[in-house]
């Protein structure tokens, strides 16, 4: 399964991706709001790549897309999709390597995945939950037309502290109006 944009290819992870995955996930700033801790050992990256290579992106549960730059083929990050509710809704998450941040790649990748889910696959709703301190990710979602649905105060015990969660979502009926932003 491939999803493409002008500058990116979103695809399954391959064994050759493990070193780059381990490198960007080992950056403390990248790991700060994510479910893993830095450093992210190469062995864990190999296990992750091996496990995700066999998952079906259209079934319920998590699937992680590798995000590759068309120009040069570098792994620039990943976008996760967690399908649920009988395939009618999904949650998304995204990570970008520091060397590729600030160039619009994350926006482009997330936009393509959401477009695929809502328009091509016909899902009803896509949501995202993030640490309230993660302002760049919140801005990205808002740029794409996601609606801030709420703030859950001290709702998650995360990496040794209570954190606030921001909740975002977009409906298929809203996406067509907002996706060109």
Protein backbone atom coordinates (compact mmCIF):
# COMPACT_ATOMS: atom_id res chain seq x y z
CA UNK A 1 0.00 0.00 0.00
CA UNK A 2 1.47 3.30 -1.12
CA UNK A 3 0.19 6.81 -0.53
CA UNK A 4 1.95 9.52 -2.49
CA UNK A 5 2.29 13.29 -2.54
CA UNK A 6 4.41 15.57 -4.70
CA UNK A 7 7.38 15.21 -2.33
CA UNK A 8 6.66 12.07 -0.28
CA UNK A 9 5.91 8.38 -0.47
CA UNK A 10 4.09 6.83 2.48
CA UNK A 11 4.73 3.09 2.52
CA UNK A 12 5.35 0.05 4.67
CA UNK A 13 8.51 0.02 6.73
CA UNK A 14 11.43 -1.98 5.31
CA UNK A 15 14.39 -3.53 7.19
CA UNK A 16 16.70 -0.85 5.78
CA UNK A 17 14.64 1.81 7.63
CA UNK A 18 15.64 0.58 11.09
CA UNK A 19 18.83 2.68 11.54
CA UNK A 20 17.12 5.94 10.52
CA UNK A 21 14.08 5.10 12.69
CA UNK A 22 16.33 4.41 15.69
CA UNK A 23 18.23 7.65 15.06
CA UNK A 24 15.28 10.04 15.00
CA UNK A 25 13.38 8.25 17.74
CA UNK A 26 16.51 8.52 19.91
CA UNK A 27 16.39 12.31 19.84
CA UNK A 28 15.08 13.44 23.26
CA UNK A 29 13.09 16.30 21.69
CA UNK A 30 11.37 13.87 19.30
CA UNK A 31 10.64 11.33 22.06
CA UNK A 32 9.39 13.93 24.56
CA UNK A 33 5.69 13.63 23.69
CA UNK A 34 5.77 10.09 22.29
CA UNK A 35 5.17 6.66 23.81
CA UNK A 36 8.84 5.64 23.72
CA UNK A 37 11.88 6.87 25.58
CA UNK A 38 15.18 8.06 24.14
CA UNK A 39 17.44 6.47 23.28
CA UNK A 40 15.50 4.11 21.02
CA UNK A 41 17.88 1.17 20.50
CA UNK A 42 18.54 -0.22 17.04
CA UNK A 43 17.27 -3.61 18.23
CA UNK A 44 13.93 -2.04 19.13
CA UNK A 45 13.79 -0.36 15.72
CA UNK A 46 14.49 -3.67 13.98
CA UNK A 47 11.74 -5.36 16.02
CA UNK A 48 9.32 -2.52 15.24
CA UNK A 49 10.06 -2.65 11.51
CA UNK A 50 9.71 -6.44 11.47
CA UNK A 51 6.39 -6.33 13.34
CA UNK A 52 4.82 -3.54 11.30
CA UNK A 53 5.90 -5.01 7.95
CA UNK A 54 3.21 -7.68 8.27
CA UNK A 55 0.29 -5.56 9.47
CA UNK A 56 -2.72 -4.83 7.29
CA UNK A 57 -3.27 -1.05 7.01
CA UNK A 58 -7.00 -1.54 6.41
CA UNK A 59 -7.73 -3.62 9.53
CA UNK A 60 -8.58 -2.34 12.98
CA UNK A 61 -5.61 -1.46 15.16
CA UNK A 62 -2.40 0.45 14.62
CA UNK A 63 -0.54 0.65 11.33
CA UNK A 64 2.55 2.79 10.89
CA UNK A 65 3.41 4.36 7.53
CA UNK A 66 7.06 5.10 6.81
CA UNK A 67 7.36 8.58 5.29
CA UNK A 68 10.04 8.72 2.62
CA UNK A 69 11.27 11.76 0.69
CA UNK A 70 10.95 11.28 -3.07
CA UNK A 71 14.12 13.33 -3.52
CA UNK A 72 16.87 11.07 -2.22
CA UNK A 73 14.71 8.41 -0.58
CA UNK A 74 15.49 9.40 3.02
CA UNK A 75 13.18 8.25 5.80
CA UNK A 76 11.81 11.54 7.13
CA UNK A 77 9.36 10.18 9.71
CA UNK A 78 6.25 8.11 10.23
CA UNK A 79 2.49 8.47 10.51
CA UNK A 80 0.48 6.05 12.62
CA UNK A 81 -3.18 5.16 12.05
CA UNK A 82 -5.28 3.34 14.62
CA UNK A 83 -8.51 2.21 12.99
CA UNK A 84 -11.44 1.42 15.26
CA UNK A 85 -15.20 1.40 15.66
CA UNK A 86 -15.69 -1.22 12.98
CA UNK A 87 -13.50 0.72 10.58
CA UNK A 88 -15.59 3.89 10.79
CA UNK A 89 -13.12 6.03 12.75
CA UNK A 90 -9.37 6.34 13.21
CA UNK A 91 -6.83 8.00 15.43
CA UNK A 92 -3.62 9.40 13.97
CA UNK A 93 -0.18 10.20 15.31
CA UNK A 94 2.94 11.47 13.59
CA UNK A 95 6.66 11.85 14.09
CA UNK A 96 9.22 13.66 11.98
CA UNK A 97 13.00 13.45 12.10
CA UNK A 98 14.52 16.76 13.28
CA UNK A 99 16.52 17.19 10.06
CA UNK A 100 13.26 17.34 8.10
CA UNK A 101 11.17 19.51 10.40
CA UNK A 102 10.10 22.98 9.32
CA UNK A 103 9.74 22.09 5.64
CA UNK A 104 6.06 21.16 5.56
CA UNK A 105 6.67 17.41 5.32
CA UNK A 106 4.60 16.56 8.39
CA UNK A 107 1.67 18.64 7.15
CA UNK A 108 1.91 17.03 3.72
CA UNK A 109 2.10 13.49 5.13
CA UNK A 110 -0.73 13.90 7.64
CA UNK A 111 -2.91 15.63 5.03
CA UNK A 112 -2.42 12.69 2.64
CA UNK A 113 -3.24 10.08 5.28
CA UNK A 114 -6.36 11.93 6.43
CA UNK A 115 -7.47 12.43 2.83
CA UNK A 116 -7.03 8.70 2.25
CA UNK A 117 -9.00 7.78 5.37
CA UNK A 118 -11.90 10.22 4.99
CA UNK A 119 -12.28 10.49 1.21
CA UNK A 120 -10.89 7.31 -0.31
CA UNK A 121 -11.76 4.90 2.51
CA UNK A 122 -14.94 6.68 3.60
CA UNK A 123 -14.27 6.83 7.34
CA UNK A 124 -16.56 9.12 9.33
CA UNK A 125 -14.04 10.73 11.67
CA UNK A 126 -10.32 11.04 12.36
CA UNK A 127 -9.06 12.14 15.76
CA UNK A 128 -5.78 12.92 17.47
CA UNK A 129 -4.78 13.26 21.12
CA UNK A 130 -1.61 15.03 22.16
CA UNK A 131 0.22 16.46 25.10
CA UNK A 132 -1.05 20.03 25.54
CA UNK A 133 2.55 21.31 25.59
CA UNK A 134 3.13 20.03 22.05
CA UNK A 135 2.26 23.32 20.35
CA UNK A 136 3.78 22.50 16.91
CA UNK A 137 1.59 19.39 16.54
CA UNK A 138 -1.50 21.28 17.68
CA UNK A 139 -0.80 24.00 15.08
CA UNK A 140 -0.36 21.38 12.36
CA UNK A 141 -3.73 19.79 13.14
CA UNK A 142 -5.45 23.18 13.25
CA UNK A 143 -3.89 24.14 9.88
CA UNK A 144 -5.40 20.99 8.41
CA UNK A 145 -8.86 21.84 9.69
CA UNK A 146 -9.00 19.65 12.79
CA UNK A 147 -11.29 21.02 15.47
CA UNK A 148 -10.08 21.25 19.04
CA UNK A 149 -12.69 19.23 20.89
CA UNK A 150 -11.37 19.49 24.39
CA UNK A 151 -8.70 19.61 27.02
CA UNK A 152 -8.44 16.83 29.56
CA UNK A 153 -6.60 18.28 32.54
CA UNK A 154 -3.96 16.07 34.15
CA UNK A 155 -5.53 13.10 32.38
CA UNK A 156 -2.41 11.05 31.63
CA UNK A 157 0.47 9.88 33.78
CA UNK A 158 3.20 10.30 31.21
CA UNK A 159 6.92 9.85 31.73
CA UNK A 160 6.74 10.53 35.44
CA UNK A 161 4.26 13.41 35.51
CA UNK A 162 0.61 14.24 35.06
CA UNK A 163 -0.04 15.82 31.67
CA UNK A 164 -2.93 17.59 30.00
CA UNK A 165 -4.29 16.08 26.78
CA UNK A 166 -5.58 18.10 23.85
CA UNK A 167 -8.24 16.36 21.79
CA UNK A 168 -8.71 17.10 18.09
CA UNK A 169 -10.94 15.64 15.38
CA UNK A 170 -12.24 16.22 11.89
CA UNK A 171 -15.33 14.72 10.28
CA UNK A 172 -15.49 13.59 6.68
CA UNK A 173 -18.19 16.23 6.08
CA UNK A 174 -15.78 18.94 7.31
CA UNK A 175 -12.69 17.68 5.51
CA UNK A 176 -13.66 18.69 2.00
CA UNK A 177 -14.01 22.30 3.15
CA UNK A 178 -10.77 22.42 5.13
CA UNK A 179 -8.27 20.15 3.43
CA UNK A 180 -6.89 22.74 1.03
CA UNK A 181 -5.72 25.02 3.83
